Amino acid sequence: MTVRGPGEPEEVVVAGVHGDERSGIRAVNRLREADLDLQRGVVFVLANPTAIEKNGSQPDSASSSRTLSGLLRNRPRSR
């Protein structure tokens, strides 16, 4: 996870949920390294480093899509 820009992060850019989908991973890496003139804080996340390293979507028997959707369902909601 890399945070860029001023203030608290307001945006999140995520890639690498499926390690074999390389274009998003390359994009996030380029954005993290670029000299961007950001107006607010942005978090850049490579979501599944194990799968990225193995160049596959599931480093173990758990489905990353089901795991992440479960995390999102159980998160506190802001109002």
C-alpha atoms as a PDB file:
ATOM      1  CA  MET A   1       0.000   0.000   0.000  1.00  0.00           C
ATOM      2  CA  THR A   2       1.292   3.433  -0.976  1.00  0.00           C
ATOM      3  CA  VAL A   3      -0.305   6.755  -0.058  1.00  0.00           C
ATOM      4  CA  ARG A   4       0.298   9.816  -2.231  1.00  0.00           C
ATOM      5  CA  GLY A   5      -1.105  13.330  -2.238  1.00  0.00           C
ATOM      6  CA  PRO A   6      -2.056  15.809   0.458  1.00  0.00           C
ATOM      7  CA  GLY A   7      -4.325  15.110   3.401  1.00  0.00           C
ATOM      8  CA  GLU A   8      -6.120  11.963   4.413  1.00  0.00           C
ATOM      9  CA  PRO A   9      -6.728   9.544   1.533  1.00  0.00           C
ATOM     10  CA  GLU A  10     -10.091   9.965  -0.153  1.00  0.00           C
ATOM     11  CA  GLU A  11      -9.581   7.619  -3.103  1.00  0.00           C
ATOM     12  CA  VAL A  12      -8.289   4.062  -3.435  1.00  0.00           C
ATOM     13  CA  VAL A  13      -6.857   2.467  -6.577  1.00  0.00           C
ATOM     14  CA  VAL A  14      -6.708  -1.339  -6.294  1.00  0.00           C
ATOM     15  CA  ALA A  15      -5.058  -3.896  -8.562  1.00  0.00           C
ATOM     16  CA  GLY A  16      -3.709  -7.394  -8.244  1.00  0.00           C
ATOM     17  CA  VAL A  17      -6.718  -9.141  -6.768  1.00  0.00           C
ATOM     18  CA  HIS A  18      -6.066 -11.777  -9.426  1.00  0.00           C
ATOM     19  CA  GLY A  19      -2.294 -12.041  -9.762  1.00  0.00           C
ATOM     20  CA  ASP A  20      -2.419 -13.092 -13.402  1.00  0.00           C
ATOM     21  CA  GLU A  21      -4.204  -9.909 -14.537  1.00  0.00           C
ATOM     22  CA  ARG A  22      -1.045  -7.889 -15.112  1.00  0.00           C
ATOM     23  CA  SER A  23      -2.289  -4.653 -16.726  1.00  0.00           C
ATOM     24  CA  GLY A  24      -3.805  -3.252 -13.520  1.00  0.00           C
ATOM     25  CA  ILE A  25      -0.684  -4.211 -11.569  1.00  0.00           C
ATOM     26  CA  ARG A  26       1.519  -2.355 -14.058  1.00  0.00           C
ATOM     27  CA  ALA A  27      -0.801   0.669 -13.928  1.00  0.00           C
ATOM     28  CA  VAL A  28      -0.743   0.877 -10.121  1.00  0.00           C
ATOM     29  CA  ASN A  29       3.044   0.487 -10.068  1.00  0.00           C
ATOM     30  CA  ARG A  30       3.426   3.296 -12.616  1.00  0.00           C
ATOM     31  CA  LEU A  31       1.043   5.568 -10.725  1.00  0.00           C
ATOM     32  CA  ARG A  32       2.844   4.902  -7.434  1.00  0.00           C
ATOM     33  CA  GLU A  33       6.168   5.903  -8.984  1.00  0.00           C
ATOM     34  CA  ALA A  34       4.906   8.859 -11.059  1.00  0.00           C
ATOM     35  CA  ASP A  35       5.339  12.483 -10.066  1.00  0.00           C
ATOM     36  CA  LEU A  36       1.605  13.207  -9.844  1.00  0.00           C
ATOM     37  CA  ASP A  37       0.087  16.579  -8.917  1.00  0.00           C
ATOM     38  CA  LEU A  38      -2.666  15.124  -6.748  1.00  0.00           C
ATOM     39  CA  GLN A  39      -5.246  17.397  -5.146  1.00  0.00           C
ATOM     40  CA  ARG A  40      -6.186  14.876  -2.444  1.00  0.00           C
ATOM     41  CA  GLY A  41      -4.799  11.758  -0.823  1.00  0.00           C
ATOM     42  CA  VAL A  42      -4.901   8.557  -2.853  1.00  0.00           C
ATOM     43  CA  VAL A  43      -4.061   5.028  -1.703  1.00  0.00           C
ATOM     44  CA  PHE A  44      -2.540   2.656  -4.271  1.00  0.00           C
ATOM     45  CA  VAL A  45      -2.957  -1.008  -3.323  1.00  0.00           C
ATOM     46  CA  LEU A  46      -1.679  -4.273  -4.768  1.00  0.00           C
ATOM     47  CA  ALA A  47      -4.337  -6.415  -3.123  1.00  0.00           C
ATOM     48  CA  ASN A  48      -2.922  -9.927  -3.358  1.00  0.00           C
ATOM     49  CA  PRO A  49       0.903  -9.915  -3.340  1.00  0.00           C
ATOM     50  CA  THR A  50       1.130 -13.707  -3.001  1.00  0.00           C
ATOM     51  CA  ALA A  51      -0.937 -14.250  -6.151  1.00  0.00           C
ATOM     52  CA  ILE A  52       1.042 -11.549  -7.975  1.00  0.00           C
ATOM     53  CA  GLU A  53       4.291 -13.290  -7.071  1.00  0.00           C
ATOM     54  CA  LYS A  54       2.909 -16.648  -8.224  1.00  0.00           C
ATOM     55  CA  ASN A  55       1.263 -15.070 -11.321  1.00  0.00           C
ATOM     56  CA  GLY A  56      -2.033 -16.721 -10.450  1.00  0.00           C
ATOM     57  CA  SER A  57      -5.357 -15.787  -8.965  1.00  0.00           C
ATOM     58  CA  GLN A  58      -5.531 -18.120  -6.004  1.00  0.00           C
ATOM     59  CA  PRO A  59      -2.396 -18.811  -3.970  1.00  0.00           C
ATOM     60  CA  ASP A  60      -4.335 -21.253  -1.802  1.00  0.00           C
ATOM     61  CA  SER A  61      -7.720 -22.918  -1.896  1.00  0.00           C
ATOM     62  CA  ALA A  62      -9.696 -19.778  -0.972  1.00  0.00           C
ATOM     63  CA  SER A  63     -11.311 -17.739  -3.714  1.00  0.00           C
ATOM     64  CA  SER A  64     -10.019 -14.173  -3.520  1.00  0.00           C
ATOM     65  CA  SER A  65     -13.311 -12.839  -4.899  1.00  0.00           C
ATOM     66  CA  ARG A  66     -15.314 -14.545  -2.154  1.00  0.00           C
ATOM     67  CA  THR A  67     -12.803 -13.479   0.511  1.00  0.00           C
ATOM     68  CA  LEU A  68     -12.833  -9.816  -0.517  1.00  0.00           C
ATOM     69  CA  SER A  69     -16.607  -9.682  -0.916  1.00  0.00           C
ATOM     70  CA  GLY A  70     -16.950 -11.079   2.611  1.00  0.00           C
ATOM     71  CA  LEU A  71     -14.654  -8.389   3.952  1.00  0.00           C
ATOM     72  CA  LEU A  72     -16.681  -5.700   2.218  1.00  0.00           C
ATOM     73  CA  ARG A  73     -19.984  -7.088   3.516  1.00  0.00           C
ATOM     74  CA  ASN A  74     -18.707  -6.994   7.103  1.00  0.00           C
ATOM     75  CA  ARG A  75     -17.131  -3.520   7.045  1.00  0.00           C
ATOM     76  CA  PRO A  76     -18.586  -0.708   9.127  1.00  0.00           C
ATOM     77  CA  ARG A  77     -20.754   1.590   7.027  1.00  0.00           C
ATOM     78  CA  SER A  78     -20.392   5.353   7.209  1.00  0.00           C
ATOM     79  CA  ARG A  79     -23.441   7.576   6.943  1.00  0.00           C
END
